Amino acid sequence: MEKKNNLQYAEAEVAPPGPVASPLKRHVVRYWWMYLTIMAQLNIDRAYLQFTDIRFIVPTPSSITLTQTVLLYTKTRFTPTLKPFVASIYAVHNGSYSKVPMTTARFPEVHAIHPVSMTHLTNTFLNFSSDAEREEVARFATQVLTQDRVTTALVGRGSLQLGALPLMTVNYNKTTTFQGLNGLKGFGVSNVKLDVKAEPGQPNLSGMASFPNPSVLTFDMGNVTFTLSTAAAGVVGQSYIENMTIRPGVNIFPIHSVIDSTKIMQSLDPGSDTVQIIIMGNTAVYHGQSLTYTEKSFAFNKLSLALNVSSVLANS
């Protein structure tokens, strides 16, 4: 009798062997966190800043208080938190950073929001105690006073937090350009009056001085004196303005002068009945202290005034 083998066979599909994972993929899987740090730094580098309010107030010979509103523009959809950090602030001259920073400042935490977020520095004390720092501040003050555009640089290192991911270290190296005082172009004096009865050495000329400020800057200068001169007679007098704080827009201050009337008449142009007066800042004193960095900037900025003598006499 023939025996039959009662065998059962089960068919199954066997998946083909997968490709060997590429070295690049294995590297990314293993070191993904490194690429997040690189991306974070790239987004920091692509961001840019805009100043909408800058106030240099309460100056001393070796410090000033900064209040500032800053807009941070980002190109990424991520919304990281930039942790507080300390950065050096450099002046930029013809595209080059100053040899030493003017000062350092502590910047607050910012939660970056696409496309723009806002942060504030409020009453931030900036100290510049060394001679090198004060020299850079004087150069910066000159730029602010005389130039249409001014650039500063912020250099530092901080950390960035994105969600529940670990803190990532990022470097800051950002330049920002803003409008300067542009030489106080548009300066003028109105309602000028001559006091012929003034005692010698006492103010004998007064008026209202107008200083346009096209920028977002506020600048405390203190009590400022100006030297008045003409091409024909040299120094002809001195003017002073008390509590001179330049703010955005048109600034108007009472101005008082002690002039040498004889030298003024020697400088008179008989054809136009005017005297061309050259005005240069001389001293800046805030609460009894001389602000040498502001005074140095005055040497690089000349103002001029065409004084109509007939109009002054008619108004006096």
C-alpha atoms as a PDB file:
ATOM      1  CA  MET A   1       0.000   0.000   0.000  1.00  0.00           C
ATOM      2  CA  GLU A   2       1.361   3.329  -0.986  1.00  0.00           C
ATOM      3  CA  LYS A   3       1.980   5.848   1.755  1.00  0.00           C
ATOM      4  CA  LYS A   4       1.322   9.521   1.134  1.00  0.00           C
ATOM      5  CA  ASN A   5       3.167  12.295   2.895  1.00  0.00           C
ATOM      6  CA  ASN A   6       0.580  14.657   4.357  1.00  0.00           C
ATOM      7  CA  LEU A   7       2.701  17.774   4.178  1.00  0.00           C
ATOM      8  CA  GLN A   8       1.320  21.304   4.313  1.00  0.00           C
ATOM      9  CA  TYR A   9       3.085  24.309   2.833  1.00  0.00           C
ATOM     10  CA  ALA A  10       2.504  27.914   3.872  1.00  0.00           C
ATOM     11  CA  GLU A  11       3.444  30.640   1.436  1.00  0.00           C
ATOM     12  CA  ALA A  12       4.651  33.953   2.759  1.00  0.00           C
ATOM     13  CA  GLU A  13       5.916  37.131   1.071  1.00  0.00           C
ATOM     14  CA  VAL A  14       9.357  38.049   2.144  1.00  0.00           C
ATOM     15  CA  ALA A  15      10.249  41.716   1.904  1.00  0.00           C
ATOM     16  CA  PRO A  16      13.351  42.399  -0.115  1.00  0.00           C
ATOM     17  CA  PRO A  17      16.313  43.536   1.929  1.00  0.00           C
ATOM     18  CA  GLY A  18      16.296  47.297   2.431  1.00  0.00           C
ATOM     19  CA  PRO A  19      19.105  49.510   1.233  1.00  0.00           C
ATOM     20  CA  VAL A  20      21.911  50.162   3.623  1.00  0.00           C
ATOM     21  CA  ALA A  21      21.354  53.537   5.388  1.00  0.00           C
ATOM     22  CA  SER A  22      23.554  56.197   3.841  1.00  0.00           C
ATOM     23  CA  PRO A  23      26.391  57.629   5.938  1.00  0.00           C
ATOM     24  CA  LEU A  24      24.862  61.114   5.616  1.00  0.00           C
ATOM     25  CA  LYS A  25      21.492  59.922   6.955  1.00  0.00           C
ATOM     26  CA  ARG A  26      23.120  58.140   9.872  1.00  0.00           C
ATOM     27  CA  HIS A  27      25.125  61.275  10.612  1.00  0.00           C
ATOM     28  CA  VAL A  28      22.020  63.501  10.585  1.00  0.00           C
ATOM     29  CA  VAL A  29      20.076  61.097  12.816  1.00  0.00           C
ATOM     30  CA  ARG A  30      22.916  60.969  15.282  1.00  0.00           C
ATOM     31  CA  TYR A  31      23.894  64.663  15.275  1.00  0.00           C
ATOM     32  CA  TRP A  32      20.586  66.400  14.451  1.00  0.00           C
ATOM     33  CA  TRP A  33      21.044  68.810  17.345  1.00  0.00           C
ATOM     34  CA  MET A  34      24.189  70.207  15.750  1.00  0.00           C
ATOM     35  CA  TYR A  35      22.222  71.251  12.680  1.00  0.00           C
ATOM     36  CA  LEU A  36      19.652  73.057  14.816  1.00  0.00           C
ATOM     37  CA  THR A  37      22.465  75.166  16.260  1.00  0.00           C
ATOM     38  CA  ILE A  38      23.727  75.961  12.764  1.00  0.00           C
ATOM     39  CA  MET A  39      20.209  76.900  11.634  1.00  0.00           C
ATOM     40  CA  ALA A  40      19.710  79.056  14.722  1.00  0.00           C
ATOM     41  CA  GLN A  41      22.939  80.957  14.006  1.00  0.00           C
ATOM     42  CA  LEU A  42      21.965  81.358  10.349  1.00  0.00           C
ATOM     43  CA  ASN A  43      18.620  82.888  11.324  1.00  0.00           C
ATOM     44  CA  ILE A  44      20.339  85.251  13.765  1.00  0.00           C
ATOM     45  CA  ASP A  45      22.696  86.347  10.985  1.00  0.00           C
ATOM     46  CA  ARG A  46      19.789  86.975   8.602  1.00  0.00           C
ATOM     47  CA  ALA A  47      17.801  89.043  11.093  1.00  0.00           C
ATOM     48  CA  TYR A  48      18.205  92.811  11.189  1.00  0.00           C
ATOM     49  CA  LEU A  49      17.481  95.637  13.610  1.00  0.00           C
ATOM     50  CA  GLN A  50      15.775  99.012  13.303  1.00  0.00           C
ATOM     51  CA  PHE A  51      15.930 101.740  15.940  1.00  0.00           C
ATOM     52  CA  THR A  52      12.694 103.707  16.320  1.00  0.00           C
ATOM     53  CA  ASP A  53      13.648 105.691  19.429  1.00  0.00           C
ATOM     54  CA  ILE A  54      17.129 106.454  20.804  1.00  0.00           C
ATOM     55  CA  ARG A  55      17.637 108.639  23.858  1.00  0.00           C
ATOM     56  CA  PHE A  56      21.061 109.608  25.197  1.00  0.00           C
ATOM     57  CA  ILE A  57      20.188 111.291  28.476  1.00  0.00           C
ATOM     58  CA  VAL A  58      21.661 112.165  31.893  1.00  0.00           C
ATOM     59  CA  PRO A  59      25.229 112.491  30.584  1.00  0.00           C
ATOM     60  CA  THR A  60      28.366 112.670  32.724  1.00  0.00           C
ATOM     61  CA  PRO A  61      32.012 112.897  31.626  1.00  0.00           C
ATOM     62  CA  SER A  62      32.295 109.081  31.779  1.00  0.00           C
ATOM     63  CA  SER A  63      28.767 107.743  31.268  1.00  0.00           C
ATOM     64  CA  ILE A  64      25.389 108.236  29.684  1.00  0.00           C
ATOM     65  CA  THR A  65      21.968 106.658  30.101  1.00  0.00           C
ATOM     66  CA  LEU A  66      20.444 104.959  27.061  1.00  0.00           C
ATOM     67  CA  THR A  67      16.744 104.373  26.485  1.00  0.00           C
ATOM     68  CA  GLN A  68      16.006 102.684  23.181  1.00  0.00           C
ATOM     69  CA  THR A  69      13.222 101.001  21.230  1.00  0.00           C
ATOM     70  CA  VAL A  70      14.378  98.326  18.793  1.00  0.00           C
ATOM     71  CA  LEU A  71      12.477  96.403  16.132  1.00  0.00           C
ATOM     72  CA  LEU A  72      13.821  92.922  15.353  1.00  0.00           C
ATOM     73  CA  TYR A  73      12.982  91.641  11.864  1.00  0.00           C
ATOM     74  CA  THR A  74      13.329  87.894  11.252  1.00  0.00           C
ATOM     75  CA  LYS A  75      12.902  85.796   8.107  1.00  0.00           C
ATOM     76  CA  THR A  76      12.143  82.490   9.836  1.00  0.00           C
ATOM     77  CA  ARG A  77       8.785  81.123  10.962  1.00  0.00           C
ATOM     78  CA  PHE A  78      10.336  79.821  14.161  1.00  0.00           C
ATOM     79  CA  THR A  79       9.641  81.908  17.259  1.00  0.00           C
ATOM     80  CA  PRO A  80      12.627  81.417  19.561  1.00  0.00           C
ATOM     81  CA  THR A  81      13.341  83.247  22.783  1.00  0.00           C
ATOM     82  CA  LEU A  82      16.619  85.141  22.863  1.00  0.00           C
ATOM     83  CA  LYS A  83      17.928  85.047  26.406  1.00  0.00           C
ATOM     84  CA  PRO A  84      19.433  88.166  28.068  1.00  0.00           C
ATOM     85  CA  PHE A  85      23.024  88.789  27.022  1.00  0.00           C
ATOM     86  CA  VAL A  86      25.829  91.321  27.346  1.00  0.00           C
ATOM     87  CA  ALA A  87      27.245  92.859  24.170  1.00  0.00           C
ATOM     88  CA  SER A  88      29.903  95.369  23.218  1.00  0.00           C
ATOM     89  CA  ILE A  89      28.813  98.421  21.238  1.00  0.00           C
ATOM     90  CA  TYR A  90      31.187  99.683  18.550  1.00  0.00           C
ATOM     91  CA  ALA A  91      31.161 102.802  16.429  1.00  0.00           C
ATOM     92  CA  VAL A  92      31.590 102.107  12.716  1.00  0.00           C
ATOM     93  CA  HIS A  93      33.837 104.465  10.746  1.00  0.00           C
ATOM     94  CA  ASN A  94      33.864 104.134   6.945  1.00  0.00           C
ATOM     95  CA  GLY A  95      32.750 100.524   7.205  1.00  0.00           C
ATOM     96  CA  SER A  96      35.304  99.517   9.868  1.00  0.00           C
ATOM     97  CA  TYR A  97      34.593  98.805  13.523  1.00  0.00           C
ATOM     98  CA  SER A  98      36.315 101.043  16.045  1.00  0.00           C
ATOM     99  CA  LYS A  99      39.473  99.550  17.568  1.00  0.00           C
ATOM    100  CA  VAL A 100      37.821  99.318  20.967  1.00  0.00           C
ATOM    101  CA  PRO A 101      34.125  99.252  21.888  1.00  0.00           C
ATOM    102  CA  MET A 102      32.591 102.445  23.201  1.00  0.00           C
ATOM    103  CA  THR A 103      30.874 100.567  26.012  1.00  0.00           C
ATOM    104  CA  THR A 104      28.994  97.385  26.890  1.00  0.00           C
ATOM    105  CA  ALA A 105      25.276  96.946  27.535  1.00  0.00           C
ATOM    106  CA  ARG A 106      22.997  94.216  28.842  1.00  0.00           C
ATOM    107  CA  PHE A 107      20.157  93.398  26.463  1.00  0.00           C
ATOM    108  CA  PRO A 108      16.865  91.966  27.761  1.00  0.00           C
ATOM    109  CA  GLU A 109      15.131  88.727  26.820  1.00  0.00           C
ATOM    110  CA  VAL A 110      13.240  88.885  23.525  1.00  0.00           C
ATOM    111  CA  HIS A 111      10.636  86.473  22.182  1.00  0.00           C
ATOM    112  CA  ALA A 112      11.174  86.748  18.434  1.00  0.00           C
ATOM    113  CA  ILE A 113       7.960  86.790  16.396  1.00  0.00           C
ATOM    114  CA  HIS A 114       7.811  86.592  12.606  1.00  0.00           C
ATOM    115  CA  PRO A 115       8.163  88.988  10.875  1.00  0.00           C
ATOM    116  CA  VAL A 116       8.896  91.643  13.517  1.00  0.00           C
ATOM    117  CA  SER A 117       9.084  91.930  17.276  1.00  0.00           C
ATOM    118  CA  MET A 118       9.855  94.844  19.587  1.00  0.00           C
ATOM    119  CA  THR A 119      12.147  95.225  22.561  1.00  0.00           C
ATOM    120  CA  HIS A 120      13.125  98.099  24.827  1.00  0.00           C
ATOM    121  CA  LEU A 121      16.242  99.163  26.663  1.00  0.00           C
ATOM    122  CA  THR A 122      15.096 101.383  29.505  1.00  0.00           C
ATOM    123  CA  ASN A 123      17.487 103.603  31.460  1.00  0.00           C
ATOM    124  CA  THR A 124      20.464 101.427  30.576  1.00  0.00           C
ATOM    125  CA  PHE A 125      23.626 102.828  32.156  1.00  0.00           C
ATOM    126  CA  LEU A 126      26.539 102.976  29.706  1.00  0.00           C
ATOM    127  CA  ASN A 127      29.956 103.502  31.234  1.00  0.00           C
ATOM    128  CA  PHE A 128      33.071 104.588  29.323  1.00  0.00           C
ATOM    129  CA  SER A 129      35.779 105.014  31.903  1.00  0.00           C
ATOM    130  CA  SER A 130      38.977 104.456  29.891  1.00  0.00           C
ATOM    131  CA  ASP A 131      40.631 107.072  27.679  1.00  0.00           C
ATOM    132  CA  ALA A 132      40.218 104.815  24.633  1.00  0.00           C
ATOM    133  CA  GLU A 133      36.489 104.427  25.264  1.00  0.00           C
ATOM    134  CA  ARG A 134      36.005 108.160  25.762  1.00  0.00           C
ATOM    135  CA  GLU A 135      37.871 108.857  22.526  1.00  0.00           C
ATOM    136  CA  GLU A 136      35.551 106.519  20.628  1.00  0.00           C
ATOM    137  CA  VAL A 137      32.507 108.141  22.245  1.00  0.00           C
ATOM    138  CA  ALA A 138      33.797 111.549  21.086  1.00  0.00           C
ATOM    139  CA  ARG A 139      34.174 110.239  17.525  1.00  0.00           C
ATOM    140  CA  PHE A 140      30.689 108.759  17.711  1.00  0.00           C
ATOM    141  CA  ALA A 141      29.244 112.046  19.025  1.00  0.00           C
ATOM    142  CA  THR A 142      30.878 113.798  16.067  1.00  0.00           C
ATOM    143  CA  GLN A 143      29.248 111.351  13.671  1.00  0.00           C
ATOM    144  CA  VAL A 144      25.854 111.828  15.307  1.00  0.00           C
ATOM    145  CA  LEU A 145      26.133 115.620  15.144  1.00  0.00           C
ATOM    146  CA  THR A 146      27.573 116.022  11.649  1.00  0.00           C
ATOM    147  CA  GLN A 147      26.416 113.065   9.545  1.00  0.00           C
ATOM    148  CA  ASP A 148      23.158 112.171   7.861  1.00  0.00           C
ATOM    149  CA  ARG A 149      23.653 108.433   8.518  1.00  0.00           C
ATOM    150  CA  VAL A 150      25.372 106.779  11.488  1.00  0.00           C
ATOM    151  CA  THR A 151      26.245 103.107  11.957  1.00  0.00           C
ATOM    152  CA  THR A 152      26.925 101.161  15.139  1.00  0.00           C
ATOM    153  CA  ALA A 153      27.744  97.490  15.704  1.00  0.00           C
ATOM    154  CA  LEU A 154      26.638  95.091  18.424  1.00  0.00           C
ATOM    155  CA  VAL A 155      28.955  92.159  19.190  1.00  0.00           C
ATOM    156  CA  GLY A 156      28.304  89.499  21.816  1.00  0.00           C
ATOM    157  CA  ARG A 157      27.328  85.932  22.630  1.00  0.00           C
ATOM    158  CA  GLY A 158      24.085  84.648  24.104  1.00  0.00           C
ATOM    159  CA  SER A 159      21.715  81.709  24.114  1.00  0.00           C
ATOM    160  CA  LEU A 160      18.531  80.873  22.261  1.00  0.00           C
ATOM    161  CA  GLN A 161      15.602  78.721  23.391  1.00  0.00           C
ATOM    162  CA  LEU A 162      13.213  77.095  20.928  1.00  0.00           C
ATOM    163  CA  GLY A 163      10.342  75.267  22.611  1.00  0.00           C
ATOM    164  CA  ALA A 164      11.483  72.347  24.755  1.00  0.00           C
ATOM    165  CA  LEU A 165      14.781  71.963  22.911  1.00  0.00           C
ATOM    166  CA  PRO A 166      18.056  72.492  24.763  1.00  0.00           C
ATOM    167  CA  LEU A 167      19.545  75.982  24.933  1.00  0.00           C
ATOM    168  CA  MET A 168      21.646  76.840  21.893  1.00  0.00           C
ATOM    169  CA  THR A 169      24.575  79.261  21.919  1.00  0.00           C
ATOM    170  CA  VAL A 170      24.518  81.975  19.254  1.00  0.00           C
ATOM    171  CA  ASN A 171      26.868  84.810  18.358  1.00  0.00           C
ATOM    172  CA  TYR A 172      25.674  88.340  17.691  1.00  0.00           C
ATOM    173  CA  ASN A 173      27.479  90.570  15.214  1.00  0.00           C
ATOM    174  CA  LYS A 174      24.985  93.075  13.833  1.00  0.00           C
ATOM    175  CA  THR A 175      25.381  96.544  12.363  1.00  0.00           C
ATOM    176  CA  THR A 176      22.544  99.042  12.403  1.00  0.00           C
ATOM    177  CA  THR A 177      22.372 102.327  10.502  1.00  0.00           C
ATOM    178  CA  PHE A 178      20.189 105.204  11.637  1.00  0.00           C
ATOM    179  CA  GLN A 179      19.756 108.861  10.799  1.00  0.00           C
ATOM    180  CA  GLY A 180      22.006 111.429  12.460  1.00  0.00           C
ATOM    181  CA  LEU A 181      21.506 115.123  13.211  1.00  0.00           C
ATOM    182  CA  ASN A 182      22.964 116.015   9.794  1.00  0.00           C
ATOM    183  CA  GLY A 183      24.861 119.068  10.971  1.00  0.00           C
ATOM    184  CA  LEU A 184      21.665 120.633  12.338  1.00  0.00           C
ATOM    185  CA  LYS A 185      20.906 121.887   8.842  1.00  0.00           C
ATOM    186  CA  GLY A 186      18.047 124.348   8.760  1.00  0.00           C
ATOM    187  CA  PHE A 187      19.251 126.157  11.898  1.00  0.00           C
ATOM    188  CA  GLY A 188      17.923 129.668  12.274  1.00  0.00           C
ATOM    189  CA  VAL A 189      17.238 132.431  14.784  1.00  0.00           C
ATOM    190  CA  SER A 190      14.012 134.436  14.839  1.00  0.00           C
ATOM    191  CA  ASN A 191      12.661 137.398  16.794  1.00  0.00           C
ATOM    192  CA  VAL A 192      16.168 138.802  17.283  1.00  0.00           C
ATOM    193  CA  LYS A 193      16.319 141.853  19.542  1.00  0.00           C
ATOM    194  CA  LEU A 194      19.169 144.167  20.511  1.00  0.00           C
ATOM    195  CA  ASP A 195      19.272 145.586  24.035  1.00  0.00           C
ATOM    196  CA  VAL A 196      21.154 148.852  23.664  1.00  0.00           C
ATOM    197  CA  LYS A 197      20.849 149.513  27.410  1.00  0.00           C
ATOM    198  CA  ALA A 198      22.608 146.310  28.488  1.00  0.00           C
ATOM    199  CA  GLU A 199      25.591 146.728  30.799  1.00  0.00           C
ATOM    200  CA  PRO A 200      29.015 145.747  29.405  1.00  0.00           C
ATOM    201  CA  GLY A 201      29.498 141.990  29.599  1.00  0.00           C
ATOM    202  CA  GLN A 202      25.765 141.345  29.925  1.00  0.00           C
ATOM    203  CA  PRO A 203      23.582 139.797  27.179  1.00  0.00           C
ATOM    204  CA  ASN A 204      22.679 142.458  24.630  1.00  0.00           C
ATOM    205  CA  LEU A 205      21.216 140.289  21.874  1.00  0.00           C
ATOM    206  CA  SER A 206      18.462 137.696  22.211  1.00  0.00           C
ATOM    207  CA  GLY A 207      16.198 135.577  20.033  1.00  0.00           C
ATOM    208  CA  MET A 208      14.682 132.146  19.506  1.00  0.00           C
ATOM    209  CA  ALA A 209      17.019 129.535  18.034  1.00  0.00           C
ATOM    210  CA  SER A 210      15.553 126.745  15.910  1.00  0.00           C
ATOM    211  CA  PHE A 211      17.307 123.373  15.459  1.00  0.00           C
ATOM    212  CA  PRO A 212      15.616 120.831  13.140  1.00  0.00           C
ATOM    213  CA  ASN A 213      16.255 117.188  14.054  1.00  0.00           C
ATOM    214  CA  PRO A 214      15.241 114.733  11.296  1.00  0.00           C
ATOM    215  CA  SER A 215      16.289 111.676  13.325  1.00  0.00           C
ATOM    216  CA  VAL A 216      14.780 109.547  16.114  1.00  0.00           C
ATOM    217  CA  LEU A 217      17.556 110.704  18.451  1.00  0.00           C
ATOM    218  CA  THR A 218      17.181 112.560  21.719  1.00  0.00           C
ATOM    219  CA  PHE A 219      20.445 114.081  22.909  1.00  0.00           C
ATOM    220  CA  ASP A 220      21.039 115.828  26.260  1.00  0.00           C
ATOM    221  CA  MET A 221      23.748 118.481  25.805  1.00  0.00           C
ATOM    222  CA  GLY A 222      23.278 120.522  28.971  1.00  0.00           C
ATOM    223  CA  ASN A 223      24.090 124.228  29.010  1.00  0.00           C
ATOM    224  CA  VAL A 224      25.828 125.046  25.727  1.00  0.00           C
ATOM    225  CA  THR A 225      27.911 128.070  24.775  1.00  0.00           C
ATOM    226  CA  PHE A 226      28.703 129.097  21.197  1.00  0.00           C
ATOM    227  CA  THR A 227      31.468 131.277  19.792  1.00  0.00           C
ATOM    228  CA  LEU A 228      30.339 133.899  17.251  1.00  0.00           C
ATOM    229  CA  SER A 229      32.727 135.169  14.602  1.00  0.00           C
ATOM    230  CA  THR A 230      32.842 136.894  11.218  1.00  0.00           C
ATOM    231  CA  ALA A 231      35.324 136.695   8.377  1.00  0.00           C
ATOM    232  CA  ALA A 232      36.147 140.402   8.702  1.00  0.00           C
ATOM    233  CA  ALA A 233      36.482 140.843  12.478  1.00  0.00           C
ATOM    234  CA  GLY A 234      37.160 137.392  13.939  1.00  0.00           C
ATOM    235  CA  VAL A 235      35.415 136.622  17.224  1.00  0.00           C
ATOM    236  CA  VAL A 236      32.528 139.049  17.760  1.00  0.00           C
ATOM    237  CA  GLY A 237      30.735 137.499  20.737  1.00  0.00           C
ATOM    238  CA  GLN A 238      29.349 134.501  22.535  1.00  0.00           C
ATOM    239  CA  SER A 239      25.905 132.914  22.796  1.00  0.00           C
ATOM    240  CA  TYR A 240      24.453 130.432  25.248  1.00  0.00           C
ATOM    241  CA  ILE A 241      21.452 128.126  25.507  1.00  0.00           C
ATOM    242  CA  GLU A 242      20.384 126.588  28.802  1.00  0.00           C
ATOM    243  CA  ASN A 243      19.206 122.977  29.128  1.00  0.00           C
ATOM    244  CA  MET A 244      19.694 122.167  25.466  1.00  0.00           C
ATOM    245  CA  THR A 245      18.108 118.792  24.732  1.00  0.00           C
ATOM    246  CA  ILE A 246      17.705 117.971  21.054  1.00  0.00           C
ATOM    247  CA  ARG A 247      14.589 115.867  20.374  1.00  0.00           C
ATOM    248  CA  PRO A 248      13.067 114.567  17.124  1.00  0.00           C
ATOM    249  CA  GLY A 249      11.387 117.357  15.169  1.00  0.00           C
ATOM    250  CA  VAL A 250      11.976 121.103  15.386  1.00  0.00           C
ATOM    251  CA  ASN A 251      13.593 122.270  18.635  1.00  0.00           C
ATOM    252  CA  ILE A 252      13.231 125.904  19.705  1.00  0.00           C
ATOM    253  CA  PHE A 253      15.258 127.449  22.538  1.00  0.00           C
ATOM    254  CA  PRO A 254      15.753 130.974  23.880  1.00  0.00           C
ATOM    255  CA  ILE A 255      19.269 132.088  22.941  1.00  0.00           C
ATOM    256  CA  HIS A 256      21.144 134.952  24.592  1.00  0.00           C
ATOM    257  CA  SER A 257      24.301 136.593  23.306  1.00  0.00           C
ATOM    258  CA  VAL A 258      26.955 139.051  24.309  1.00  0.00           C
ATOM    259  CA  ILE A 259      28.195 140.739  21.128  1.00  0.00           C
ATOM    260  CA  ASP A 260      30.681 143.451  20.264  1.00  0.00           C
ATOM    261  CA  SER A 261      28.509 145.929  18.366  1.00  0.00           C
ATOM    262  CA  THR A 262      31.529 147.707  16.917  1.00  0.00           C
ATOM    263  CA  LYS A 263      32.880 144.503  15.358  1.00  0.00           C
ATOM    264  CA  ILE A 264      29.418 143.633  14.094  1.00  0.00           C
ATOM    265  CA  MET A 265      29.210 146.958  12.249  1.00  0.00           C
ATOM    266  CA  GLN A 266      32.720 146.424  10.859  1.00  0.00           C
ATOM    267  CA  SER A 267      31.470 143.155   9.362  1.00  0.00           C
ATOM    268  CA  LEU A 268      28.321 144.645   7.832  1.00  0.00           C
ATOM    269  CA  ASP A 269      27.722 144.131   4.112  1.00  0.00           C
ATOM    270  CA  PRO A 270      26.295 147.516   3.086  1.00  0.00           C
ATOM    271  CA  GLY A 271      24.710 146.093  -0.042  1.00  0.00           C
ATOM    272  CA  SER A 272      22.466 143.637   1.818  1.00  0.00           C
ATOM    273  CA  ASP A 273      22.578 145.219   5.278  1.00  0.00           C
ATOM    274  CA  THR A 274      23.468 141.795   6.717  1.00  0.00           C
ATOM    275  CA  VAL A 275      26.287 140.268   8.733  1.00  0.00           C
ATOM    276  CA  GLN A 276      27.313 136.685   8.053  1.00  0.00           C
ATOM    277  CA  ILE A 277      27.974 135.142  11.467  1.00  0.00           C
ATOM    278  CA  ILE A 278      29.782 131.836  11.925  1.00  0.00           C
ATOM    279  CA  ILE A 279      28.572 129.922  14.979  1.00  0.00           C
ATOM    280  CA  MET A 280      30.487 127.081  16.603  1.00  0.00           C
ATOM    281  CA  GLY A 281      29.715 125.191  19.787  1.00  0.00           C
ATOM    282  CA  ASN A 282      32.262 125.747  22.517  1.00  0.00           C
ATOM    283  CA  THR A 283      31.316 124.219  25.868  1.00  0.00           C
ATOM    284  CA  ALA A 284      28.683 121.737  27.054  1.00  0.00           C
ATOM    285  CA  VAL A 285      28.073 121.535  30.809  1.00  0.00           C
ATOM    286  CA  TYR A 286      25.534 119.208  32.419  1.00  0.00           C
ATOM    287  CA  HIS A 287      24.903 119.632  36.151  1.00  0.00           C
ATOM    288  CA  GLY A 288      28.232 121.395  36.550  1.00  0.00           C
ATOM    289  CA  GLN A 289      30.285 118.784  34.657  1.00  0.00           C
ATOM    290  CA  SER A 290      31.914 119.381  31.275  1.00  0.00           C
ATOM    291  CA  LEU A 291      30.979 116.872  28.588  1.00  0.00           C
ATOM    292  CA  THR A 292      34.272 116.703  26.714  1.00  0.00           C
ATOM    293  CA  TYR A 293      33.024 114.224  24.096  1.00  0.00           C
ATOM    294  CA  THR A 294      30.229 116.633  23.133  1.00  0.00           C
ATOM    295  CA  GLU A 295      32.586 119.608  23.164  1.00  0.00           C
ATOM    296  CA  LYS A 296      35.015 117.796  20.833  1.00  0.00           C
ATOM    297  CA  SER A 297      32.218 117.156  18.363  1.00  0.00           C
ATOM    298  CA  PHE A 298      31.448 120.890  18.199  1.00  0.00           C
ATOM    299  CA  ALA A 299      34.806 121.531  16.511  1.00  0.00           C
ATOM    300  CA  PHE A 300      33.606 119.653  13.413  1.00  0.00           C
ATOM    301  CA  ASN A 301      30.303 121.459  12.912  1.00  0.00           C
ATOM    302  CA  LYS A 302      29.830 125.063  11.843  1.00  0.00           C
ATOM    303  CA  LEU A 303      26.517 126.880  11.759  1.00  0.00           C
ATOM    304  CA  SER A 304      25.946 130.135   9.910  1.00  0.00           C
ATOM    305  CA  LEU A 305      23.461 132.935  10.326  1.00  0.00           C
ATOM    306  CA  ALA A 306      22.738 135.885   8.062  1.00  0.00           C
ATOM    307  CA  LEU A 307      21.847 138.618  10.555  1.00  0.00           C
ATOM    308  CA  ASN A 308      19.864 141.471   9.026  1.00  0.00           C
ATOM    309  CA  VAL A 309      20.872 144.473  11.096  1.00  0.00           C
ATOM    310  CA  SER A 310      18.008 146.720   9.931  1.00  0.00           C
ATOM    311  CA  SER A 311      15.430 144.094  10.925  1.00  0.00           C
ATOM    312  CA  VAL A 312      17.066 143.622  14.318  1.00  0.00           C
ATOM    313  CA  LEU A 313      17.037 147.349  15.044  1.00  0.00           C
ATOM    314  CA  ALA A 314      13.417 147.649  13.915  1.00  0.00           C
ATOM    315  CA  ASN A 315      12.440 144.760  16.208  1.00  0.00           C
ATOM    316  CA  SER A 316      14.288 146.124  19.241  1.00  0.00           C
END
